[in-house]
Amino acid sequence: MSTALLTIYVLIWPALVLVVLGVISKGFFKDWATARRNGEDLV
């Protein structure tokens, strides 16, 4: 495996983690804002 391909493979994981974390965070904050607006607990 060439160095360039190995570098791209290693660097793709932080990008994937960032995308997944962004999706989870977006859903969490949306639910949090809705619960706060309705005066409910998040849990």
Protein backbone atom coordinates (compact mmCIF):
# COMPACT_ATOMS: atom_id res chain seq x y z
CA MET A 1 0.00 0.00 0.00
CA SER A 2 1.43 3.36 -0.92
CA THR A 3 2.11 6.04 1.62
CA ALA A 4 -0.48 8.39 0.10
CA LEU A 5 -3.28 5.81 0.31
CA LEU A 6 -2.36 4.92 3.88
CA THR A 7 -2.33 8.60 4.84
CA ILE A 8 -5.77 9.17 3.30
CA TYR A 9 -7.11 6.06 5.04
CA VAL A 10 -5.84 7.24 8.43
CA LEU A 11 -7.09 10.81 7.97
CA ILE A 12 -10.59 9.78 6.85
CA TRP A 13 -11.50 8.44 10.33
CA PRO A 14 -11.43 11.80 12.14
CA ALA A 15 -13.64 13.23 9.39
CA LEU A 16 -16.16 10.39 9.77
CA VAL A 17 -16.16 10.78 13.55
CA LEU A 18 -16.75 14.52 13.16
CA VAL A 19 -19.75 13.93 10.87
CA VAL A 20 -21.31 11.35 13.22
CA LEU A 21 -20.73 13.58 16.25
CA GLY A 22 -22.30 16.49 14.38
CA VAL A 23 -25.43 14.48 13.55
CA ILE A 24 -25.80 13.26 17.13
CA SER A 25 -25.23 16.77 18.52
CA LYS A 26 -27.74 18.31 16.14
CA GLY A 27 -30.43 15.86 17.27
CA PHE A 28 -29.59 16.37 20.93
CA PHE A 29 -29.77 20.14 20.78
CA LYS A 30 -33.00 20.02 18.78
CA ASP A 31 -34.60 17.79 21.43
CA TRP A 32 -33.19 19.94 24.21
CA ALA A 33 -34.61 23.13 22.70
CA THR A 34 -38.02 21.51 22.21
CA ALA A 35 -38.12 20.24 25.78
CA ARG A 36 -37.05 23.62 27.14
CA ARG A 37 -39.68 25.40 25.07
CA ASN A 38 -42.38 23.06 26.39
CA GLY A 39 -41.12 23.28 29.97
CA GLU A 40 -40.34 19.56 30.15
CA ASP A 41 -37.35 17.61 31.39
CA LEU A 42 -35.01 16.23 28.77
CA VAL A 43 -34.81 12.82 30.44
